[in-house]
Amino acid sequence: ATKGRRGAVDRFRARLLFPIRDQRGQDVVAFGGRI
Protein backbone atom coordinates (compact mmCIF):
# COMPACT_ATOMS: atom_id res chain seq x y z
CA ALA A 1 0.00 0.00 0.00
CA THR A 2 0.86 3.66 -0.16
CA LYS A 3 -0.04 6.21 2.48
CA GLY A 4 -2.84 8.56 1.50
CA ARG A 5 -4.49 11.42 3.33
CA ARG A 6 -7.05 9.06 4.82
CA GLY A 7 -4.73 6.13 5.48
CA ALA A 8 -3.55 3.13 3.48
CA VAL A 9 -4.29 2.93 -0.27
CA ASP A 10 -3.85 -0.38 -2.05
CA ARG A 11 -0.85 -0.28 -4.38
CA PHE A 12 -2.31 -2.85 -6.81
CA ARG A 13 -5.81 -2.19 -8.16
CA ALA A 14 -7.59 -3.68 -11.19
CA ARG A 15 -4.58 -5.82 -12.06
CA LEU A 16 -3.72 -9.46 -12.65
CA LEU A 17 -1.24 -10.32 -9.88
CA PHE A 18 1.95 -12.35 -10.22
CA PRO A 19 3.45 -13.25 -6.83
CA ILE A 20 7.24 -13.05 -6.79
CA ARG A 21 8.94 -15.58 -4.54
CA ASP A 22 12.41 -15.81 -3.05
CA GLN A 23 15.03 -18.10 -4.57
CA ARG A 24 13.75 -21.10 -2.67
CA GLY A 25 10.13 -20.47 -3.55
CA GLN A 26 9.39 -20.56 0.17
CA ASP A 27 8.15 -17.01 0.72
CA VAL A 28 6.22 -14.52 -1.40
CA VAL A 29 8.32 -11.35 -1.18
CA ALA A 30 6.67 -9.07 -3.75
CA PHE A 31 4.13 -8.80 -6.56
CA GLY A 32 3.93 -7.73 -10.17
CA GLY A 33 0.63 -6.45 -11.50
CA ARG A 34 -0.69 -6.25 -15.10
CA ILE A 35 -3.68 -4.29 -16.34
Full PDB file with SEQRES, HELIX, SHEET, SSBOND, CRYST1, ORIGX, SCALE, CONECT and MASTER records, all heavy atoms in Angstrom:
SEQRES   1 A   35  ALA THR LYS GLY ARG ARG GLY ALA VAL ASP ARG PHE ARG          
SEQRES   2 A   35  ALA ARG LEU LEU PHE PRO ILE ARG ASP GLN ARG GLY GLN          
SEQRES   3 A   35  ASP VAL VAL ALA PHE GLY GLY ARG ILE                          
SHEET    1 AA1 2 THR A   2  GLY A   4  0                                        
SHEET    2 AA1 2 GLY A   7  VAL A   9 -1                                        
SHEET    1 AA2 2 LEU A  16  ARG A  21  0                                        
SHEET    2 AA2 2 VAL A  28  ARG A  34 -1                                        
CRYST1    1.000    1.000    1.000  90.00  90.00  90.00 P 1           1          
ORIGX1      1.000000  0.000000  0.000000        0.00000                         
ORIGX2      0.000000  1.000000  0.000000        0.00000                         
ORIGX3      0.000000  0.000000  1.000000        0.00000                         
SCALE1      1.000000  0.000000  0.000000        0.00000                         
SCALE2      0.000000  1.000000  0.000000        0.00000                         
SCALE3      0.000000  0.000000  1.000000        0.00000                         
ATOM      1  N   ALA A   1       0.843  -1.191   0.000  1.00  0.00           N  
ATOM      2  CA  ALA A   1       0.000   0.000   0.000  1.00  0.00           C  
ATOM      3  C   ALA A   1       0.879   1.242   0.000  1.00  0.00           C  
ATOM      4  O   ALA A   1       2.084   1.193   0.280  1.00  0.00           O  
ATOM      5  CB  ALA A   1      -0.923   0.000   1.225  1.00  0.00           C  
ATOM      6  N   THR A   2       0.232   2.363  -0.336  1.00  0.00           N  
ATOM      7  CA  THR A   2       0.860   3.664  -0.164  1.00  0.00           C  
ATOM      8  C   THR A   2       0.063   4.412   0.899  1.00  0.00           C  
ATOM      9  O   THR A   2      -1.063   4.031   1.233  1.00  0.00           O  
ATOM     10  CB  THR A   2       0.858   4.451  -1.479  1.00  0.00           C  
ATOM     11  OG1 THR A   2      -0.499   4.594  -1.929  1.00  0.00           O  
ATOM     12  CG2 THR A   2       1.675   3.733  -2.541  1.00  0.00           C  
ATOM     13  N   LYS A   3       0.629   5.469   1.409  1.00  0.00           N  
ATOM     14  CA  LYS A   3      -0.038   6.206   2.478  1.00  0.00           C  
ATOM     15  C   LYS A   3      -0.731   7.423   1.898  1.00  0.00           C  
ATOM     16  O   LYS A   3      -0.082   8.326   1.365  1.00  0.00           O  
ATOM     17  CB  LYS A   3       0.972   6.609   3.551  1.00  0.00           C  
ATOM     18  CG  LYS A   3       0.323   7.147   4.820  1.00  0.00           C  
ATOM     19  CD  LYS A   3       1.360   7.319   5.920  1.00  0.00           C  
ATOM     20  CE  LYS A   3       0.696   7.765   7.213  1.00  0.00           C  
ATOM     21  NZ  LYS A   3       1.682   7.894   8.319  1.00  0.00           N  
ATOM     22  N   GLY A   4      -2.060   7.434   1.975  1.00  0.00           N  
ATOM     23  CA  GLY A   4      -2.837   8.563   1.498  1.00  0.00           C  
ATOM     24  C   GLY A   4      -3.269   9.464   2.639  1.00  0.00           C  
ATOM     25  O   GLY A   4      -2.937   9.236   3.809  1.00  0.00           O  
ATOM     26  N   ARG A   5      -4.048  10.490   2.295  1.00  0.00           N  
ATOM     27  CA  ARG A   5      -4.493  11.424   3.332  1.00  0.00           C  
ATOM     28  C   ARG A   5      -5.411  10.763   4.353  1.00  0.00           C  
ATOM     29  O   ARG A   5      -5.470  11.168   5.510  1.00  0.00           O  
ATOM     30  CB  ARG A   5      -5.232  12.599   2.665  1.00  0.00           C  
ATOM     31  CG  ARG A   5      -4.281  13.579   1.953  1.00  0.00           C  
ATOM     32  CD  ARG A   5      -5.053  14.680   1.283  1.00  0.00           C  
ATOM     33  NE  ARG A   5      -5.923  14.159   0.224  1.00  0.00           N  
ATOM     34  CZ  ARG A   5      -6.739  14.917  -0.499  1.00  0.00           C  
ATOM     35  NH1 ARG A   5      -6.814  16.220  -0.275  1.00  0.00           N  
ATOM     36  NH2 ARG A   5      -7.482  14.384  -1.447  1.00  0.00           N  
ATOM     37  N   ARG A   6      -6.108   9.726   3.914  1.00  0.00           N  
ATOM     38  CA  ARG A   6      -7.047   9.063   4.815  1.00  0.00           C  
ATOM     39  C   ARG A   6      -6.547   7.690   5.272  1.00  0.00           C  
ATOM     40  O   ARG A   6      -7.329   6.895   5.796  1.00  0.00           O  
ATOM     41  CB  ARG A   6      -8.402   8.922   4.123  1.00  0.00           C  
ATOM     42  CG  ARG A   6      -9.047  10.254   3.790  1.00  0.00           C  
ATOM     43  CD  ARG A   6     -10.425  10.049   3.186  1.00  0.00           C  
ATOM     44  NE  ARG A   6     -11.052  11.319   2.870  1.00  0.00           N  
ATOM     45  CZ  ARG A   6     -12.276  11.442   2.326  1.00  0.00           C  
ATOM     46  NH1 ARG A   6     -12.979  10.344   2.044  1.00  0.00           N  
ATOM     47  NH2 ARG A   6     -12.767  12.635   2.075  1.00  0.00           N  
ATOM     48  N   GLY A   7      -5.277   7.413   5.046  1.00  0.00           N  
ATOM     49  CA  GLY A   7      -4.730   6.127   5.478  1.00  0.00           C  
ATOM     50  C   GLY A   7      -4.156   5.328   4.332  1.00  0.00           C  
ATOM     51  O   GLY A   7      -3.700   5.878   3.325  1.00  0.00           O  
ATOM     52  N   ALA A   8      -4.178   3.998   4.472  1.00  0.00           N  
ATOM     53  CA  ALA A   8      -3.553   3.128   3.484  1.00  0.00           C  
ATOM     54  C   ALA A   8      -4.390   3.055   2.208  1.00  0.00           C  
ATOM     55  O   ALA A   8      -5.618   2.957   2.250  1.00  0.00           O  
ATOM     56  CB  ALA A   8      -3.377   1.728   4.063  1.00  0.00           C  
ATOM     57  N   VAL A   9      -3.669   3.078   1.052  1.00  0.00           N  
ATOM     58  CA  VAL A   9      -4.294   2.927  -0.265  1.00  0.00           C  
ATOM     59  C   VAL A   9      -3.626   1.751  -0.961  1.00  0.00           C  
ATOM     60  O   VAL A   9      -2.394   1.713  -1.073  1.00  0.00           O  
ATOM     61  CB  VAL A   9      -4.126   4.203  -1.112  1.00  0.00           C  
ATOM     62  CG1 VAL A   9      -4.731   3.994  -2.499  1.00  0.00           C  
ATOM     63  CG2 VAL A   9      -4.749   5.401  -0.424  1.00  0.00           C  
ATOM     64  N   ASP A  10      -4.425   0.808  -1.412  1.00  0.00           N  
ATOM     65  CA  ASP A  10      -3.854  -0.378  -2.052  1.00  0.00           C  
ATOM     66  C   ASP A  10      -2.958   0.008  -3.227  1.00  0.00           C  
ATOM     67  O   ASP A  10      -3.345   0.810  -4.082  1.00  0.00           O  
ATOM     68  CB  ASP A  10      -4.960  -1.303  -2.554  1.00  0.00           C  
ATOM     69  CG  ASP A  10      -5.708  -1.993  -1.433  1.00  0.00           C  
ATOM     70  OD1 ASP A  10      -5.308  -1.818  -0.268  1.00  0.00           O  
ATOM     71  OD2 ASP A  10      -6.694  -2.702  -1.724  1.00  0.00           O  
ATOM     72  N   ARG A  11      -1.756  -0.565  -3.271  1.00  0.00           N  
ATOM     73  CA  ARG A  11      -0.845  -0.284  -4.379  1.00  0.00           C  
ATOM     74  C   ARG A  11      -1.351  -0.912  -5.677  1.00  0.00           C  
ATOM     75  O   ARG A  11      -1.236  -0.318  -6.751  1.00  0.00           O  
ATOM     76  CB  ARG A  11       0.561  -0.818  -4.057  1.00  0.00           C  
ATOM     77  CG  ARG A  11       1.569  -0.631  -5.202  1.00  0.00           C  
ATOM     78  CD  ARG A  11       2.959  -1.095  -4.782  1.00  0.00           C  
ATOM     79  NE  ARG A  11       3.494  -0.253  -3.735  1.00  0.00           N  
ATOM     80  CZ  ARG A  11       4.105   0.911  -3.948  1.00  0.00           C  
ATOM     81  NH1 ARG A  11       4.250   1.382  -5.173  1.00  0.00           N  
ATOM     82  NH2 ARG A  11       4.563   1.610  -2.927  1.00  0.00           N  
ATOM     83  N   PHE A  12      -1.860  -2.129  -5.609  1.00  0.00           N  
ATOM     84  CA  PHE A  12      -2.311  -2.847  -6.807  1.00  0.00           C  
ATOM     85  C   PHE A  12      -3.837  -2.796  -6.869  1.00  0.00           C  
ATOM     86  O   PHE A  12      -4.528  -3.259  -5.946  1.00  0.00           O  
ATOM     87  CB  PHE A  12      -1.836  -4.305  -6.773  1.00  0.00           C  
ATOM     88  CG  PHE A  12      -0.339  -4.437  -6.734  1.00  0.00           C  
ATOM     89  CD1 PHE A  12       0.315  -4.671  -5.519  1.00  0.00           C  
ATOM     90  CD2 PHE A  12       0.427  -4.333  -7.888  1.00  0.00           C  
ATOM     91  CE1 PHE A  12       1.698  -4.802  -5.472  1.00  0.00           C  
ATOM     92  CE2 PHE A  12       1.799  -4.452  -7.846  1.00  0.00           C  
ATOM     93  CZ  PHE A  12       2.440  -4.686  -6.643  1.00  0.00           C  
ATOM     94  N   ARG A  13      -4.359  -2.263  -7.974  1.00  0.00           N  
ATOM     95  CA  ARG A  13      -5.807  -2.190  -8.164  1.00  0.00           C  
ATOM     96  C   ARG A  13      -6.111  -2.489  -9.629  1.00  0.00           C  
ATOM     97  O   ARG A  13      -5.457  -1.979 -10.538  1.00  0.00           O  
ATOM     98  CB  ARG A  13      -6.339  -0.804  -7.781  1.00  0.00           C  
ATOM     99  CG  ARG A  13      -5.980  -0.405  -6.356  1.00  0.00           C  
ATOM    100  CD  ARG A  13      -6.631   0.900  -5.930  1.00  0.00           C  
ATOM    101  NE  ARG A  13      -6.468   1.996  -6.870  1.00  0.00           N  
ATOM    102  CZ  ARG A  13      -5.352   2.709  -7.020  1.00  0.00           C  
ATOM    103  NH1 ARG A  13      -4.287   2.393  -6.291  1.00  0.00           N  
ATOM    104  NH2 ARG A  13      -5.297   3.696  -7.869  1.00  0.00           N  
ATOM    105  N   ALA A  14      -7.142  -3.303  -9.844  1.00  0.00           N  
ATOM    106  CA  ALA A  14      -7.592  -3.684 -11.187  1.00  0.00           C  
ATOM    107  C   ALA A  14      -6.441  -4.277 -11.995  1.00  0.00           C  
ATOM    108  O   ALA A  14      -6.212  -3.915 -13.151  1.00  0.00           O  
ATOM    109  CB  ALA A  14      -8.196  -2.478 -11.909  1.00  0.00           C  
ATOM    110  N   ARG A  15      -5.726  -5.206 -11.388  1.00  0.00           N  
ATOM    111  CA  ARG A  15      -4.579  -5.816 -12.061  1.00  0.00           C  
ATOM    112  C   ARG A  15      -4.524  -7.325 -11.785  1.00  0.00           C  
ATOM    113  O   ARG A  15      -4.870  -7.781 -10.700  1.00  0.00           O  
ATOM    114  CB  ARG A  15      -3.259  -5.180 -11.614  1.00  0.00           C  
ATOM    115  CG  ARG A  15      -3.069  -3.751 -12.121  1.00  0.00           C  
ATOM    116  CD  ARG A  15      -1.772  -3.144 -11.663  1.00  0.00           C  
ATOM    117  NE  ARG A  15      -1.635  -1.769 -12.149  1.00  0.00           N  
ATOM    118  CZ  ARG A  15      -1.100  -1.424 -13.319  1.00  0.00           C  
ATOM    119  NH1 ARG A  15      -0.614  -2.369 -14.112  1.00  0.00           N  
ATOM    120  NH2 ARG A  15      -1.030  -0.159 -13.688  1.00  0.00           N  
ATOM    121  N   LEU A  16      -4.064  -8.053 -12.816  1.00  0.00           N  
ATOM    122  CA  LEU A  16      -3.722  -9.464 -12.646  1.00  0.00           C  
ATOM    123  C   LEU A  16      -2.430  -9.514 -11.854  1.00  0.00           C  
ATOM    124  O   LEU A  16      -1.457  -8.831 -12.196  1.00  0.00           O  
ATOM    125  CB  LEU A  16      -3.551 -10.129 -14.012  1.00  0.00           C  
ATOM    126  CG  LEU A  16      -3.167 -11.614 -14.022  1.00  0.00           C  
ATOM    127  CD1 LEU A  16      -4.280 -12.459 -13.412  1.00  0.00           C  
ATOM    128  CD2 LEU A  16      -2.864 -12.067 -15.448  1.00  0.00           C  
ATOM    129  N   LEU A  17      -2.392 -10.317 -10.794  1.00  0.00           N  
ATOM    130  CA  LEU A  17      -1.242 -10.321  -9.878  1.00  0.00           C  
ATOM    131  C   LEU A  17      -0.372 -11.555 -10.066  1.00  0.00           C  
ATOM    132  O   LEU A  17      -0.868 -12.679 -10.140  1.00  0.00           O  
ATOM    133  CB  LEU A  17      -1.716 -10.270  -8.427  1.00  0.00           C  
ATOM    134  CG  LEU A  17      -1.810  -8.889  -7.763  1.00  0.00           C  
ATOM    135  CD1 LEU A  17      -0.436  -8.292  -7.583  1.00  0.00           C  
ATOM    136  CD2 LEU A  17      -2.664  -7.944  -8.623  1.00  0.00           C  
ATOM    137  N   PHE A  18       0.938 -11.294 -10.115  1.00  0.00           N  
ATOM    138  CA  PHE A  18       1.949 -12.352 -10.216  1.00  0.00           C  
ATOM    139  C   PHE A  18       2.791 -12.311  -8.942  1.00  0.00           C  
ATOM    140  O   PHE A  18       3.608 -11.404  -8.763  1.00  0.00           O  
ATOM    141  CB  PHE A  18       2.857 -12.126 -11.425  1.00  0.00           C  
ATOM    142  CG  PHE A  18       2.136 -12.034 -12.732  1.00  0.00           C  
ATOM    143  CD1 PHE A  18       1.597 -10.820 -13.164  1.00  0.00           C  
ATOM    144  CD2 PHE A  18       1.986 -13.149 -13.548  1.00  0.00           C  
ATOM    145  CE1 PHE A  18       0.931 -10.718 -14.377  1.00  0.00           C  
ATOM    146  CE2 PHE A  18       1.319 -13.065 -14.760  1.00  0.00           C  
ATOM    147  CZ  PHE A  18       0.782 -11.843 -15.180  1.00  0.00           C  
ATOM    148  N   PRO A  19       2.615 -13.248  -8.027  1.00  0.00           N  
ATOM    149  CA  PRO A  19       3.454 -13.250  -6.825  1.00  0.00           C  
ATOM    150  C   PRO A  19       4.901 -13.571  -7.172  1.00  0.00           C  
ATOM    151  O   PRO A  19       5.175 -14.443  -7.996  1.00  0.00           O  
ATOM    152  CB  PRO A  19       2.833 -14.338  -5.949  1.00  0.00           C  
ATOM    153  CG  PRO A  19       2.101 -15.231  -6.890  1.00  0.00           C  
ATOM    154  CD  PRO A  19       1.637 -14.348  -8.020  1.00  0.00           C  
ATOM    155  N   ILE A  20       5.804 -12.856  -6.564  1.00  0.00           N  
ATOM    156  CA  ILE A  20       7.238 -13.046  -6.786  1.00  0.00           C  
ATOM    157  C   ILE A  20       7.808 -13.687  -5.525  1.00  0.00           C  
ATOM    158  O   ILE A  20       7.666 -13.140  -4.423  1.00  0.00           O  
ATOM    159  CB  ILE A  20       7.935 -11.701  -7.072  1.00  0.00           C  
ATOM    160  CG1 ILE A  20       7.342 -11.067  -8.328  1.00  0.00           C  
ATOM    161  CG2 ILE A  20       9.443 -11.888  -7.215  1.00  0.00           C  
ATOM    162  CD1 ILE A  20       7.742  -9.615  -8.530  1.00  0.00           C  
ATOM    163  N   ARG A  21       8.429 -14.830  -5.687  1.00  0.00           N  
ATOM    164  CA  ARG A  21       8.939 -15.577  -4.543  1.00  0.00           C  
ATOM    165  C   ARG A  21      10.456 -15.445  -4.417  1.00  0.00           C  
ATOM    166  O   ARG A  21      11.135 -15.064  -5.364  1.00  0.00           O  
ATOM    167  CB  ARG A  21       8.545 -17.056  -4.644  1.00  0.00           C  
ATOM    168  CG  ARG A  21       7.039 -17.270  -4.497  1.00  0.00           C  
ATOM    169  CD  ARG A  21       6.669 -18.742  -4.519  1.00  0.00           C  
ATOM    170  NE  ARG A  21       5.263 -18.928  -4.207  1.00  0.00           N  
ATOM    171  CZ  ARG A  21       4.773 -19.076  -2.981  1.00  0.00           C  
ATOM    172  NH1 ARG A  21       5.614 -19.095  -1.951  1.00  0.00           N  
ATOM    173  NH2 ARG A  21       3.486 -19.224  -2.776  1.00  0.00           N  
ATOM    174  N   ASP A  22      10.960 -15.810  -3.242  1.00  0.00           N  
ATOM    175  CA  ASP A  22      12.410 -15.811  -3.046  1.00  0.00           C  
ATOM    176  C   ASP A  22      13.024 -16.974  -3.822  1.00  0.00           C  
ATOM    177  O   ASP A  22      12.318 -17.762  -4.455  1.00  0.00           O  
ATOM    178  CB  ASP A  22      12.764 -15.880  -1.556  1.00  0.00           C  
ATOM    179  CG  ASP A  22      12.241 -17.138  -0.874  1.00  0.00           C  
ATOM    180  OD1 ASP A  22      11.780 -18.060  -1.576  1.00  0.00           O  
ATOM    181  OD2 ASP A  22      12.286 -17.201   0.367  1.00  0.00           O  
ATOM    182  N   GLN A  23      14.333 -17.084  -3.776  1.00  0.00           N  
ATOM    183  CA  GLN A  23      15.030 -18.100  -4.574  1.00  0.00           C  
ATOM    184  C   GLN A  23      14.541 -19.503  -4.284  1.00  0.00           C  
ATOM    185  O   GLN A  23      14.486 -20.349  -5.180  1.00  0.00           O  
ATOM    186  CB  GLN A  23      16.541 -18.025  -4.301  1.00  0.00           C  
ATOM    187  CG  GLN A  23      17.215 -16.788  -4.847  1.00  0.00           C  
ATOM    188  CD  GLN A  23      18.699 -16.840  -4.628  1.00  0.00           C  
ATOM    189  OE1 GLN A  23      19.322 -17.875  -4.800  1.00  0.00           O  
ATOM    190  NE2 GLN A  23      19.292 -15.731  -4.235  1.00  0.00           N  
ATOM    191  N   ARG A  24      14.190 -19.754  -3.045  1.00  0.00           N  
ATOM    192  CA  ARG A  24      13.755 -21.096  -2.670  1.00  0.00           C  
ATOM    193  C   ARG A  24      12.318 -21.359  -3.065  1.00  0.00           C  
ATOM    194  O   ARG A  24      11.872 -22.503  -3.090  1.00  0.00           O  
ATOM    195  CB  ARG A  24      13.880 -21.294  -1.151  1.00  0.00           C  
ATOM    196  CG  ARG A  24      15.291 -21.257  -0.612  1.00  0.00           C  
ATOM    197  CD  ARG A  24      15.329 -21.972   0.718  1.00  0.00           C  
ATOM    198  NE  ARG A  24      14.788 -23.317   0.587  1.00  0.00           N  
ATOM    199  CZ  ARG A  24      15.459 -24.350   0.085  1.00  0.00           C  
ATOM    200  NH1 ARG A  24      16.691 -24.186  -0.319  1.00  0.00           N  
ATOM    201  NH2 ARG A  24      14.897 -25.540  -0.023  1.00  0.00           N  
ATOM    202  N   GLY A  25      11.550 -20.296  -3.311  1.00  0.00           N  
ATOM    203  CA  GLY A  25      10.135 -20.467  -3.545  1.00  0.00           C  
ATOM    204  C   GLY A  25       9.354 -20.590  -2.255  1.00  0.00           C  
ATOM    205  O   GLY A  25       8.157 -20.876  -2.258  1.00  0.00           O  
ATOM    206  N   GLN A  26      10.023 -20.366  -1.133  1.00  0.00           N  
ATOM    207  CA  GLN A  26       9.393 -20.561   0.171  1.00  0.00           C  
ATOM    208  C   GLN A  26       8.465 -19.412   0.529  1.00  0.00           C  
ATOM    209  O   GLN A  26       7.366 -19.621   1.031  1.00  0.00           O  
ATOM    210  CB  GLN A  26      10.472 -20.703   1.252  1.00  0.00           C  
ATOM    211  CG  GLN A  26       9.935 -21.007   2.633  1.00  0.00           C  
ATOM    212  CD  GLN A  26       9.307 -22.390   2.714  1.00  0.00           C  
ATOM    213  OE1 GLN A  26       9.716 -23.293   1.996  1.00  0.00           O  
ATOM    214  NE2 GLN A  26       8.308 -22.533   3.574  1.00  0.00           N  
ATOM    215  N   ASP A  27       8.900 -18.186   0.281  1.00  0.00           N  
ATOM    216  CA  ASP A  27       8.147 -17.015   0.717  1.00  0.00           C  
ATOM    217  C   ASP A  27       7.799 -16.122  -0.462  1.00  0.00           C  
ATOM    218  O   ASP A  27       8.636 -15.886  -1.353  1.00  0.00           O  
ATOM    219  CB  ASP A  27       8.961 -16.196   1.725  1.00  0.00           C  
ATOM    220  CG  ASP A  27       9.233 -16.968   3.000  1.00  0.00           C  
ATOM    221  OD1 ASP A  27       8.280 -17.505   3.576  1.00  0.00           O  
ATOM    222  OD2 ASP A  27      10.415 -17.036   3.411  1.00  0.00           O  
ATOM    223  N   VAL A  28       6.579 -15.576  -0.457  1.00  0.00           N  
ATOM    224  CA  VAL A  28       6.216 -14.519  -1.397  1.00  0.00           C  
ATOM    225  C   VAL A  28       6.810 -13.223  -0.855  1.00  0.00           C  
ATOM    226  O   VAL A  28       6.538 -12.841   0.295  1.00  0.00           O  
ATOM    227  CB  VAL A  28       4.684 -14.389  -1.538  1.00  0.00           C  
ATOM    228  CG1 VAL A  28       4.334 -13.166  -2.388  1.00  0.00           C  
ATOM    229  CG2 VAL A  28       4.104 -15.648  -2.166  1.00  0.00           C  
ATOM    230  N   VAL A  29       7.635 -12.555  -1.653  1.00  0.00           N  
ATOM    231  CA  VAL A  29       8.322 -11.353  -1.176  1.00  0.00           C  
ATOM    232  C   VAL A  29       7.817 -10.093  -1.858  1.00  0.00           C  
ATOM    233  O   VAL A  29       8.074  -8.979  -1.380  1.00  0.00           O  
ATOM    234  CB  VAL A  29       9.850 -11.482  -1.368  1.00  0.00           C  
ATOM    235  CG1 VAL A  29      10.404 -12.595  -0.496  1.00  0.00           C  
ATOM    236  CG2 VAL A  29      10.212 -11.724  -2.832  1.00  0.00           C  
ATOM    237  N   ALA A  30       7.122 -10.244  -3.003  1.00  0.00           N  
ATOM    238  CA  ALA A  30       6.674  -9.069  -3.753  1.00  0.00           C  
ATOM    239  C   ALA A  30       5.618  -9.504  -4.765  1.00  0.00           C  
ATOM    240  O   ALA A  30       5.285 -10.687  -4.877  1.00  0.00           O  
ATOM    241  CB  ALA A  30       7.852  -8.402  -4.454  1.00  0.00           C  
ATOM    242  N   PHE A  31       5.123  -8.518  -5.532  1.00  0.00           N  
ATOM    243  CA  PHE A  31       4.126  -8.802  -6.565  1.00  0.00           C  
ATOM    244  C   PHE A  31       4.410  -7.956  -7.797  1.00  0.00           C  
ATOM    245  O   PHE A  31       4.967  -6.858  -7.708  1.00  0.00           O  
ATOM    246  CB  PHE A  31       2.712  -8.477  -6.070  1.00  0.00           C  
ATOM    247  CG  PHE A  31       2.252  -9.311  -4.920  1.00  0.00           C  
ATOM    248  CD1 PHE A  31       2.471  -8.891  -3.616  1.00  0.00           C  
ATOM    249  CD2 PHE A  31       1.619 -10.523  -5.131  1.00  0.00           C  
ATOM    250  CE1 PHE A  31       2.066  -9.660  -2.540  1.00  0.00           C  
ATOM    251  CE2 PHE A  31       1.203 -11.309  -4.064  1.00  0.00           C  
ATOM    252  CZ  PHE A  31       1.432 -10.874  -2.763  1.00  0.00           C  
ATOM    253  N   GLY A  32       4.008  -8.508  -8.947  1.00  0.00           N  
ATOM    254  CA  GLY A  32       3.934  -7.733 -10.167  1.00  0.00           C  
ATOM    255  C   GLY A  32       2.480  -7.700 -10.599  1.00  0.00           C  
ATOM    256  O   GLY A  32       1.761  -8.690 -10.429  1.00  0.00           O  
ATOM    257  N   GLY A  33       2.031  -6.561 -11.125  1.00  0.00           N  
ATOM    258  CA  GLY A  33       0.630  -6.450 -11.503  1.00  0.00           C  
ATOM    259  C   GLY A  33       0.461  -5.961 -12.929  1.00  0.00           C  
ATOM    260  O   GLY A  33       1.128  -5.013 -13.347  1.00  0.00           O  
ATOM    261  N   ARG A  34      -0.448  -6.611 -13.705  1.00  0.00           N  
ATOM    262  CA  ARG A  34      -0.687  -6.249 -15.103  1.00  0.00           C  
ATOM    263  C   ARG A  34      -2.130  -5.809 -15.290  1.00  0.00           C  
ATOM    264  O   ARG A  34      -3.058  -6.464 -14.820  1.00  0.00           O  
ATOM    265  CB  ARG A  34      -0.417  -7.457 -16.010  1.00  0.00           C  
ATOM    266  CG  ARG A  34      -0.463  -7.136 -17.497  1.00  0.00           C  
ATOM    267  CD  ARG A  34      -0.612  -8.370 -18.354  1.00  0.00           C  
ATOM    268  NE  ARG A  34      -0.312  -8.141 -19.751  1.00  0.00           N  
ATOM    269  CZ  ARG A  34      -1.102  -7.506 -20.617  1.00  0.00           C  
ATOM    270  NH1 ARG A  34      -2.288  -7.061 -20.205  1.00  0.00           N  
ATOM    271  NH2 ARG A  34      -0.736  -7.334 -21.868  1.00  0.00           N  
ATOM    272  N   ILE A  35      -2.318  -4.695 -16.013  1.00  0.00           N  
ATOM    273  CA  ILE A  35      -3.680  -4.291 -16.343  1.00  0.00           C  
ATOM    274  C   ILE A  35      -4.208  -5.217 -17.431  1.00  0.00           C  
ATOM    275  O   ILE A  35      -3.450  -5.819 -18.188  1.00  0.00           O  
ATOM    276  CB  ILE A  35      -3.737  -2.830 -16.828  1.00  0.00           C  
ATOM    277  CG1 ILE A  35      -2.855  -2.622 -18.069  1.00  0.00           C  
ATOM    278  CG2 ILE A  35      -3.347  -1.873 -15.719  1.00  0.00           C  
ATOM    279  CD1 ILE A  35      -3.018  -1.272 -18.720  1.00  0.00           C  
TER     280      ILE A  35                                                      
MASTER        0    0    0    0    4    0    0    6  279    1    0    3          
END                                                                             
